[in-house]
Amino acid sequence: MKKIFLLLLVILGVSCKNESKKEVSKETIAKVEKENFPIELGKVFDAHGGIKEWRKMKTLSFNKEEEVHTSDLHSREIVINSPKYSLGFDGKEIWSLEEVKGSLKRDASFYYNLYFYFYAMPFVLADNGITYQKVDDFVFEGIKYPGYKISYKANVGTSPDDNYIVYYNAKTYQMEWLAYTVTFRSKAPVDNYKMIRYNSWENVSGFILPKQITWYAKDKNNEFVATSKIVDFELPLISQAKLANSFFQKLKK
């Protein structure tokens, strides 16, 4: 709880205000052309607040049920705090701590940044070490969603064989769907994609970030339908304030 209180003090100490979404400008597109990602993805980033503005931010936090997820957007240090357990990455190693024995029923190495990636979409798709490939449109209920496949160079992250496909609205460029693979345990490329619909967004200090995501799966007719797996994100905070490195370290019991 001390870490959660400290986070609030630091974030509230920096002036943050909601801003309306900015339209894509010629200057921004010119900047995107110098980046490694395709111009179309640059427009997706702009629809969500802009990659240039995003890179000024240092701290991101959100709640998922009883968990408070806090990340350093530059070092990618992360801590997840809940009443029963905590886990994270302190810049050197992944750690976990149980306040209630047997309460952490997740592999910390797999879980510590899982929802950070889901929540920080689409901006994490501009990370270093990424390659991009245009893919066929995803068609759902008669609507076509253009997409790009994102893959990682060797030795980038804990699961470099993971692939993502981001699908966006062809008119607004807002992200709509995410297809992804999981290779953490197999340590080998797979073709079995899981599908998430980003069905609700909110303005957080000028950035359009997810409020709710829903997993979809194919039914007996080979059509995608919503599953019961739904995740709500609450109490979002994003700031240019940087937290001390000690914030992400394992607490001593």
C-alpha atoms as a PDB file:
ATOM      1  CA  MET A   1       0.000   0.000   0.000  1.00  0.00           C
ATOM      2  CA  LYS A   2       2.955   2.352   0.632  1.00  0.00           C
ATOM      3  CA  LYS A   3       3.994   2.044  -2.991  1.00  0.00           C
ATOM      4  CA  ILE A   4       0.489   2.804  -4.232  1.00  0.00           C
ATOM      5  CA  PHE A   5       0.319   5.918  -2.025  1.00  0.00           C
ATOM      6  CA  LEU A   6       3.755   7.067  -3.224  1.00  0.00           C
ATOM      7  CA  LEU A   7       2.665   6.662  -6.830  1.00  0.00           C
ATOM      8  CA  LEU A   8      -0.345   8.903  -6.281  1.00  0.00           C
ATOM      9  CA  LEU A   9       1.786  11.583  -4.643  1.00  0.00           C
ATOM     10  CA  VAL A  10       4.274  11.620  -7.510  1.00  0.00           C
ATOM     11  CA  ILE A  11       1.684  11.606 -10.287  1.00  0.00           C
ATOM     12  CA  LEU A  12      -0.515  14.227  -8.679  1.00  0.00           C
ATOM     13  CA  GLY A  13       2.534  16.418  -8.207  1.00  0.00           C
ATOM     14  CA  VAL A  14       2.824  16.805 -11.969  1.00  0.00           C
ATOM     15  CA  SER A  15       0.176  18.808 -13.775  1.00  0.00           C
ATOM     16  CA  CYS A  16      -1.740  16.595 -16.179  1.00  0.00           C
ATOM     17  CA  LYS A  17      -4.865  17.558 -18.029  1.00  0.00           C
ATOM     18  CA  ASN A  18      -7.040  15.879 -20.604  1.00  0.00           C
ATOM     19  CA  GLU A  19      -6.588  17.054 -24.154  1.00  0.00           C
ATOM     20  CA  SER A  20      -8.666  16.378 -27.216  1.00  0.00           C
ATOM     21  CA  LYS A  21      -7.304  14.056 -29.893  1.00  0.00           C
ATOM     22  CA  LYS A  22      -5.087  15.815 -32.413  1.00  0.00           C
ATOM     23  CA  GLU A  23      -5.592  15.492 -36.129  1.00  0.00           C
ATOM     24  CA  VAL A  24      -2.751  14.037 -38.199  1.00  0.00           C
ATOM     25  CA  SER A  25      -0.624  16.907 -39.541  1.00  0.00           C
ATOM     26  CA  LYS A  26       1.783  16.977 -42.483  1.00  0.00           C
ATOM     27  CA  GLU A  27       4.591  17.728 -40.036  1.00  0.00           C
ATOM     28  CA  THR A  28       3.762  14.649 -37.997  1.00  0.00           C
ATOM     29  CA  ILE A  29       3.602  12.423 -41.069  1.00  0.00           C
ATOM     30  CA  ALA A  30       6.983  13.759 -42.202  1.00  0.00           C
ATOM     31  CA  LYS A  31       8.369  12.774 -38.812  1.00  0.00           C
ATOM     32  CA  VAL A  32       6.824   9.322 -39.099  1.00  0.00           C
ATOM     33  CA  GLU A  33       8.564   8.800 -42.452  1.00  0.00           C
ATOM     34  CA  LYS A  34      11.881   8.972 -40.592  1.00  0.00           C
ATOM     35  CA  GLU A  35      10.777   6.293 -38.145  1.00  0.00           C
ATOM     36  CA  ASN A  36      11.083   2.548 -38.656  1.00  0.00           C
ATOM     37  CA  PHE A  37       7.332   1.946 -38.629  1.00  0.00           C
ATOM     38  CA  PRO A  38       4.997   2.329 -41.644  1.00  0.00           C
ATOM     39  CA  ILE A  39       3.233   5.638 -42.232  1.00  0.00           C
ATOM     40  CA  GLU A  40      -0.152   3.955 -41.693  1.00  0.00           C
ATOM     41  CA  LEU A  41       0.884   2.896 -38.189  1.00  0.00           C
ATOM     42  CA  GLY A  42       2.077   6.442 -37.582  1.00  0.00           C
ATOM     43  CA  LYS A  43      -1.474   7.550 -38.284  1.00  0.00           C
ATOM     44  CA  VAL A  44      -2.726   4.955 -35.789  1.00  0.00           C
ATOM     45  CA  PHE A  45      -0.368   6.375 -33.148  1.00  0.00           C
ATOM     46  CA  ASP A  46      -1.634   9.873 -33.947  1.00  0.00           C
ATOM     47  CA  ALA A  47      -5.244   8.749 -33.582  1.00  0.00           C
ATOM     48  CA  HIS A  48      -4.331   7.694 -30.033  1.00  0.00           C
ATOM     49  CA  GLY A  49      -2.442  10.842 -29.028  1.00  0.00           C
ATOM     50  CA  GLY A  50       0.827  10.763 -30.968  1.00  0.00           C
ATOM     51  CA  ILE A  51       4.063   8.831 -30.591  1.00  0.00           C
ATOM     52  CA  LYS A  52       6.094  12.010 -30.041  1.00  0.00           C
ATOM     53  CA  GLU A  53       3.968  12.961 -27.032  1.00  0.00           C
ATOM     54  CA  TRP A  54       3.939   9.375 -25.770  1.00  0.00           C
ATOM     55  CA  ARG A  55       7.741   9.277 -25.671  1.00  0.00           C
ATOM     56  CA  LYS A  56       7.733  12.245 -23.305  1.00  0.00           C
ATOM     57  CA  MET A  57       5.820  10.206 -20.718  1.00  0.00           C
ATOM     58  CA  LYS A  58       7.740   8.312 -18.054  1.00  0.00           C
ATOM     59  CA  THR A  59       5.174   6.647 -15.780  1.00  0.00           C
ATOM     60  CA  LEU A  60       2.047   4.646 -16.573  1.00  0.00           C
ATOM     61  CA  SER A  61      -0.352   3.106 -14.069  1.00  0.00           C
ATOM     62  CA  PHE A  62      -3.728   1.372 -14.202  1.00  0.00           C
ATOM     63  CA  ASN A  63      -5.862  -0.954 -12.099  1.00  0.00           C
ATOM     64  CA  LYS A  64      -6.968  -4.411 -13.173  1.00  0.00           C
ATOM     65  CA  GLU A  65      -9.371  -5.722 -10.559  1.00  0.00           C
ATOM     66  CA  GLU A  66      -7.393  -5.599  -7.263  1.00  0.00           C
ATOM     67  CA  GLU A  67      -4.057  -5.258  -9.023  1.00  0.00           C
ATOM     68  CA  VAL A  68      -2.286  -1.912  -9.479  1.00  0.00           C
ATOM     69  CA  HIS A  69       0.092  -2.084 -12.465  1.00  0.00           C
ATOM     70  CA  THR A  70       2.798   0.602 -12.572  1.00  0.00           C
ATOM     71  CA  SER A  71       5.460   0.893 -15.268  1.00  0.00           C
ATOM     72  CA  ASP A  72       8.454   3.044 -16.140  1.00  0.00           C
ATOM     73  CA  LEU A  73       7.830   3.624 -19.840  1.00  0.00           C
ATOM     74  CA  HIS A  74      11.525   4.057 -20.635  1.00  0.00           C
ATOM     75  CA  SER A  75      13.305   1.404 -18.551  1.00  0.00           C
ATOM     76  CA  ARG A  76      10.271  -0.926 -18.607  1.00  0.00           C
ATOM     77  CA  GLU A  77      10.637  -1.570 -14.898  1.00  0.00           C
ATOM     78  CA  ILE A  78       7.254  -2.767 -13.649  1.00  0.00           C
ATOM     79  CA  VAL A  79       5.543  -3.534 -10.363  1.00  0.00           C
ATOM     80  CA  ILE A  80       2.144  -5.118  -9.769  1.00  0.00           C
ATOM     81  CA  ASN A  81       0.719  -4.644  -6.283  1.00  0.00           C
ATOM     82  CA  SER A  82      -2.346  -6.319  -4.820  1.00  0.00           C
ATOM     83  CA  PRO A  83      -3.518  -6.994  -1.247  1.00  0.00           C
ATOM     84  CA  LYS A  84      -2.321 -10.619  -1.443  1.00  0.00           C
ATOM     85  CA  TYR A  85       0.826 -10.507  -3.594  1.00  0.00           C
ATOM     86  CA  SER A  86       3.183  -8.350  -5.598  1.00  0.00           C
ATOM     87  CA  LEU A  87       5.567  -8.990  -8.480  1.00  0.00           C
ATOM     88  CA  GLY A  88       7.608  -7.047 -10.945  1.00  0.00           C
ATOM     89  CA  PHE A  89      10.828  -6.337 -12.785  1.00  0.00           C
ATOM     90  CA  ASP A  90      13.413  -4.094 -11.112  1.00  0.00           C
ATOM     91  CA  GLY A  91      15.578  -3.588 -14.180  1.00  0.00           C
ATOM     92  CA  LYS A  92      17.727  -6.633 -13.452  1.00  0.00           C
ATOM     93  CA  GLU A  93      15.497  -9.474 -12.358  1.00  0.00           C
ATOM     94  CA  ILE A  94      11.865 -10.547 -12.175  1.00  0.00           C
ATOM     95  CA  TRP A  95      10.641 -11.017  -8.617  1.00  0.00           C
ATOM     96  CA  SER A  96       7.498 -11.974  -6.705  1.00  0.00           C
ATOM     97  CA  LEU A  97       6.298 -11.780  -3.117  1.00  0.00           C
ATOM     98  CA  GLU A  98       3.223 -13.317  -1.496  1.00  0.00           C
ATOM     99  CA  GLU A  99       1.481 -11.530   1.351  1.00  0.00           C
ATOM    100  CA  VAL A 100      -0.902 -14.481   1.549  1.00  0.00           C
ATOM    101  CA  LYS A 101       0.783 -17.835   0.954  1.00  0.00           C
ATOM    102  CA  GLY A 102      -0.437 -19.572  -2.196  1.00  0.00           C
ATOM    103  CA  SER A 103      -2.213 -16.465  -3.521  1.00  0.00           C
ATOM    104  CA  LEU A 104       0.026 -15.889  -6.559  1.00  0.00           C
ATOM    105  CA  LYS A 105      -1.225 -18.448  -9.029  1.00  0.00           C
ATOM    106  CA  ARG A 106       0.676 -16.996 -12.001  1.00  0.00           C
ATOM    107  CA  ASP A 107       4.161 -17.374 -13.409  1.00  0.00           C
ATOM    108  CA  ALA A 108       5.739 -14.009 -12.585  1.00  0.00           C
ATOM    109  CA  SER A 109       8.102 -14.211 -15.567  1.00  0.00           C
ATOM    110  CA  PHE A 110       5.129 -14.503 -17.917  1.00  0.00           C
ATOM    111  CA  TYR A 111       2.641 -12.263 -16.139  1.00  0.00           C
ATOM    112  CA  TYR A 112       4.632  -9.232 -14.960  1.00  0.00           C
ATOM    113  CA  ASN A 113       4.373  -7.278 -18.251  1.00  0.00           C
ATOM    114  CA  LEU A 114       1.499  -9.106 -19.957  1.00  0.00           C
ATOM    115  CA  TYR A 115      -1.184  -6.521 -19.299  1.00  0.00           C
ATOM    116  CA  PHE A 116       1.225  -3.635 -19.699  1.00  0.00           C
ATOM    117  CA  TYR A 117       1.537  -4.660 -23.358  1.00  0.00           C
ATOM    118  CA  PHE A 118      -2.212  -5.044 -23.781  1.00  0.00           C
ATOM    119  CA  TYR A 119      -2.868  -1.688 -22.116  1.00  0.00           C
ATOM    120  CA  ALA A 120      -0.086   0.325 -23.771  1.00  0.00           C
ATOM    121  CA  MET A 121      -1.314  -0.590 -27.251  1.00  0.00           C
ATOM    122  CA  PRO A 122      -0.769   0.690 -29.853  1.00  0.00           C
ATOM    123  CA  PHE A 123       2.290   2.634 -28.643  1.00  0.00           C
ATOM    124  CA  VAL A 124       4.393  -0.403 -27.674  1.00  0.00           C
ATOM    125  CA  LEU A 125       4.347  -1.323 -31.362  1.00  0.00           C
ATOM    126  CA  ALA A 126       6.900   1.454 -31.937  1.00  0.00           C
ATOM    127  CA  ASP A 127       9.534  -0.210 -29.732  1.00  0.00           C
ATOM    128  CA  ASN A 128      13.039  -0.847 -31.000  1.00  0.00           C
ATOM    129  CA  GLY A 129      13.847  -4.223 -32.549  1.00  0.00           C
ATOM    130  CA  ILE A 130      10.504  -4.580 -34.344  1.00  0.00           C
ATOM    131  CA  THR A 131       9.859  -5.475 -37.978  1.00  0.00           C
ATOM    132  CA  TYR A 132       6.588  -4.721 -39.774  1.00  0.00           C
ATOM    133  CA  GLN A 133       4.676  -6.553 -42.474  1.00  0.00           C
ATOM    134  CA  LYS A 134       1.392  -5.569 -44.127  1.00  0.00           C
ATOM    135  CA  VAL A 135      -1.192  -8.358 -43.857  1.00  0.00           C
ATOM    136  CA  ASP A 136      -4.597  -9.076 -45.341  1.00  0.00           C
ATOM    137  CA  ASP A 137      -7.530  -7.181 -43.883  1.00  0.00           C
ATOM    138  CA  PHE A 138      -9.426  -8.752 -41.011  1.00  0.00           C
ATOM    139  CA  VAL A 139     -13.121  -8.917 -41.873  1.00  0.00           C
ATOM    140  CA  PHE A 140     -15.678  -8.898 -39.066  1.00  0.00           C
ATOM    141  CA  GLU A 141     -19.415  -8.479 -39.600  1.00  0.00           C
ATOM    142  CA  GLY A 142     -18.756  -7.206 -43.111  1.00  0.00           C
ATOM    143  CA  ILE A 143     -16.271  -4.508 -42.060  1.00  0.00           C
ATOM    144  CA  LYS A 144     -12.680  -4.657 -43.274  1.00  0.00           C
ATOM    145  CA  TYR A 145      -9.908  -3.743 -40.838  1.00  0.00           C
ATOM    146  CA  PRO A 146      -6.425  -3.145 -42.350  1.00  0.00           C
ATOM    147  CA  GLY A 147      -3.568  -4.653 -40.381  1.00  0.00           C
ATOM    148  CA  TYR A 148       0.162  -4.898 -39.784  1.00  0.00           C
ATOM    149  CA  LYS A 149       2.075  -7.842 -38.375  1.00  0.00           C
ATOM    150  CA  ILE A 150       4.670  -7.022 -35.755  1.00  0.00           C
ATOM    151  CA  SER A 151       7.535  -9.414 -35.097  1.00  0.00           C
ATOM    152  CA  TYR A 152      10.704  -9.062 -33.042  1.00  0.00           C
ATOM    153  CA  LYS A 153      14.354  -9.487 -33.848  1.00  0.00           C
ATOM    154  CA  ALA A 154      16.197 -12.355 -32.136  1.00  0.00           C
ATOM    155  CA  ASN A 155      16.979 -11.902 -28.432  1.00  0.00           C
ATOM    156  CA  VAL A 156      14.529  -9.001 -28.021  1.00  0.00           C
ATOM    157  CA  GLY A 157      12.559  -9.528 -24.795  1.00  0.00           C
ATOM    158  CA  THR A 158      11.711 -12.797 -23.038  1.00  0.00           C
ATOM    159  CA  SER A 159       9.629 -14.100 -25.960  1.00  0.00           C
ATOM    160  CA  PRO A 160      11.138 -12.792 -29.224  1.00  0.00           C
ATOM    161  CA  ASP A 161       9.115 -15.307 -31.247  1.00  0.00           C
ATOM    162  CA  ASP A 162       5.837 -13.666 -30.193  1.00  0.00           C
ATOM    163  CA  ASN A 163       3.946 -11.987 -33.011  1.00  0.00           C
ATOM    164  CA  TYR A 164       1.248  -9.333 -32.928  1.00  0.00           C
ATOM    165  CA  ILE A 165      -1.130  -8.125 -35.608  1.00  0.00           C
ATOM    166  CA  VAL A 166      -2.784  -4.769 -35.048  1.00  0.00           C
ATOM    167  CA  TYR A 167      -5.977  -4.066 -36.997  1.00  0.00           C
ATOM    168  CA  TYR A 168      -7.358  -0.544 -37.208  1.00  0.00           C
ATOM    169  CA  ASN A 169     -10.371   1.382 -38.455  1.00  0.00           C
ATOM    170  CA  ALA A 170      -9.744   2.272 -42.093  1.00  0.00           C
ATOM    171  CA  LYS A 171     -11.389   5.700 -41.680  1.00  0.00           C
ATOM    172  CA  THR A 172     -10.376   6.892 -38.208  1.00  0.00           C
ATOM    173  CA  TYR A 173      -7.141   4.879 -37.831  1.00  0.00           C
ATOM    174  CA  GLN A 174      -8.157   3.982 -34.281  1.00  0.00           C
ATOM    175  CA  MET A 175      -7.026   0.534 -33.216  1.00  0.00           C
ATOM    176  CA  GLU A 176      -9.858  -2.011 -33.143  1.00  0.00           C
ATOM    177  CA  TRP A 177      -8.367  -5.517 -32.837  1.00  0.00           C
ATOM    178  CA  LEU A 178      -5.211  -7.278 -31.700  1.00  0.00           C
ATOM    179  CA  ALA A 179      -4.169 -10.768 -32.786  1.00  0.00           C
ATOM    180  CA  TYR A 180      -1.247 -12.283 -30.862  1.00  0.00           C
ATOM    181  CA  THR A 181       0.663 -15.499 -30.308  1.00  0.00           C
ATOM    182  CA  VAL A 182       2.081 -16.860 -27.052  1.00  0.00           C
ATOM    183  CA  THR A 183       5.479 -18.573 -27.192  1.00  0.00           C
ATOM    184  CA  PHE A 184       6.655 -18.110 -23.595  1.00  0.00           C
ATOM    185  CA  ARG A 185       6.516 -21.817 -22.786  1.00  0.00           C
ATOM    186  CA  SER A 186       7.131 -23.338 -26.208  1.00  0.00           C
ATOM    187  CA  LYS A 187      10.036 -20.976 -27.038  1.00  0.00           C
ATOM    188  CA  ALA A 188       9.215 -21.551 -30.703  1.00  0.00           C
ATOM    189  CA  PRO A 189       7.113 -19.734 -33.329  1.00  0.00           C
ATOM    190  CA  VAL A 190       3.432 -20.696 -33.520  1.00  0.00           C
ATOM    191  CA  ASP A 191       0.626 -19.877 -35.966  1.00  0.00           C
ATOM    192  CA  ASN A 192      -2.216 -20.056 -33.461  1.00  0.00           C
ATOM    193  CA  TYR A 193      -3.347 -16.454 -32.934  1.00  0.00           C
ATOM    194  CA  LYS A 194      -5.545 -15.310 -30.065  1.00  0.00           C
ATOM    195  CA  MET A 195      -7.859 -12.402 -30.794  1.00  0.00           C
ATOM    196  CA  ILE A 196      -8.745  -9.379 -28.638  1.00  0.00           C
ATOM    197  CA  ARG A 197     -11.271  -6.684 -29.477  1.00  0.00           C
ATOM    198  CA  TYR A 198     -10.563  -3.222 -28.099  1.00  0.00           C
ATOM    199  CA  ASN A 199     -14.186  -2.314 -27.725  1.00  0.00           C
ATOM    200  CA  SER A 200     -13.924   0.660 -25.347  1.00  0.00           C
ATOM    201  CA  TRP A 201     -11.430   3.530 -25.074  1.00  0.00           C
ATOM    202  CA  GLU A 202     -11.011   6.628 -22.897  1.00  0.00           C
ATOM    203  CA  ASN A 203      -9.048   9.867 -23.013  1.00  0.00           C
ATOM    204  CA  VAL A 204      -6.250   9.818 -20.428  1.00  0.00           C
ATOM    205  CA  SER A 205      -4.334  13.106 -20.417  1.00  0.00           C
ATOM    206  CA  GLY A 206      -4.666  13.375 -24.180  1.00  0.00           C
ATOM    207  CA  PHE A 207      -3.960   9.711 -24.962  1.00  0.00           C
ATOM    208  CA  ILE A 208      -6.673   7.342 -26.106  1.00  0.00           C
ATOM    209  CA  LEU A 209      -6.090   4.244 -23.966  1.00  0.00           C
ATOM    210  CA  PRO A 210      -8.177   1.083 -23.557  1.00  0.00           C
ATOM    211  CA  LYS A 211     -10.958   0.934 -20.996  1.00  0.00           C
ATOM    212  CA  GLN A 212     -12.145  -2.591 -21.777  1.00  0.00           C
ATOM    213  CA  ILE A 213     -10.935  -5.485 -23.922  1.00  0.00           C
ATOM    214  CA  THR A 214     -12.730  -8.709 -24.846  1.00  0.00           C
ATOM    215  CA  TRP A 215     -11.281 -11.979 -26.105  1.00  0.00           C
ATOM    216  CA  TYR A 216     -12.875 -13.563 -29.168  1.00  0.00           C
ATOM    217  CA  ALA A 217     -12.741 -17.168 -30.399  1.00  0.00           C
ATOM    218  CA  LYS A 218     -14.058 -19.046 -33.412  1.00  0.00           C
ATOM    219  CA  ASP A 219     -17.326 -20.942 -33.050  1.00  0.00           C
ATOM    220  CA  LYS A 220     -18.373 -24.130 -34.852  1.00  0.00           C
ATOM    221  CA  ASN A 221     -19.116 -22.065 -37.962  1.00  0.00           C
ATOM    222  CA  ASN A 222     -15.539 -20.735 -37.953  1.00  0.00           C
ATOM    223  CA  GLU A 223     -16.756 -17.246 -37.092  1.00  0.00           C
ATOM    224  CA  PHE A 224     -15.353 -15.068 -34.310  1.00  0.00           C
ATOM    225  CA  VAL A 225     -17.645 -14.581 -31.311  1.00  0.00           C
ATOM    226  CA  ALA A 226     -17.084 -12.884 -27.968  1.00  0.00           C
ATOM    227  CA  THR A 227     -15.968 -15.067 -25.066  1.00  0.00           C
ATOM    228  CA  SER A 228     -16.619 -14.517 -21.372  1.00  0.00           C
ATOM    229  CA  LYS A 229     -13.063 -13.246 -20.860  1.00  0.00           C
ATOM    230  CA  ILE A 230     -13.399  -9.486 -20.435  1.00  0.00           C
ATOM    231  CA  VAL A 231     -10.896  -7.184 -18.723  1.00  0.00           C
ATOM    232  CA  ASP A 232     -11.698  -3.692 -17.469  1.00  0.00           C
ATOM    233  CA  PHE A 233      -8.967  -1.126 -16.866  1.00  0.00           C
ATOM    234  CA  GLU A 234      -9.599   1.487 -14.194  1.00  0.00           C
ATOM    235  CA  LEU A 235      -7.931   4.492 -12.507  1.00  0.00           C
ATOM    236  CA  PRO A 236      -5.499   5.193 -15.357  1.00  0.00           C
ATOM    237  CA  LEU A 237      -2.605   7.586 -14.770  1.00  0.00           C
ATOM    238  CA  ILE A 238       0.123   8.731 -17.162  1.00  0.00           C
ATOM    239  CA  SER A 239       2.768  11.302 -16.335  1.00  0.00           C
ATOM    240  CA  GLN A 240       6.128  12.808 -17.215  1.00  0.00           C
ATOM    241  CA  ALA A 241       7.154  12.288 -13.588  1.00  0.00           C
ATOM    242  CA  LYS A 242       9.715   9.548 -13.037  1.00  0.00           C
ATOM    243  CA  LEU A 243       9.493   7.217 -10.053  1.00  0.00           C
ATOM    244  CA  ALA A 244      12.582   6.261  -8.073  1.00  0.00           C
ATOM    245  CA  ASN A 245      14.190   2.949  -9.006  1.00  0.00           C
ATOM    246  CA  SER A 246      13.463   1.708  -5.471  1.00  0.00           C
ATOM    247  CA  PHE A 247       9.733   1.826  -6.258  1.00  0.00           C
ATOM    248  CA  PHE A 248      10.137  -1.240  -8.500  1.00  0.00           C
ATOM    249  CA  GLN A 249      12.284  -3.272  -6.119  1.00  0.00           C
ATOM    250  CA  LYS A 250      11.067  -6.204  -4.071  1.00  0.00           C
ATOM    251  CA  LEU A 251       9.946  -5.214  -0.608  1.00  0.00           C
ATOM    252  CA  LYS A 252      11.493  -6.996   2.358  1.00  0.00           C
ATOM    253  CA  LYS A 253       8.982  -8.801   4.542  1.00  0.00           C
END
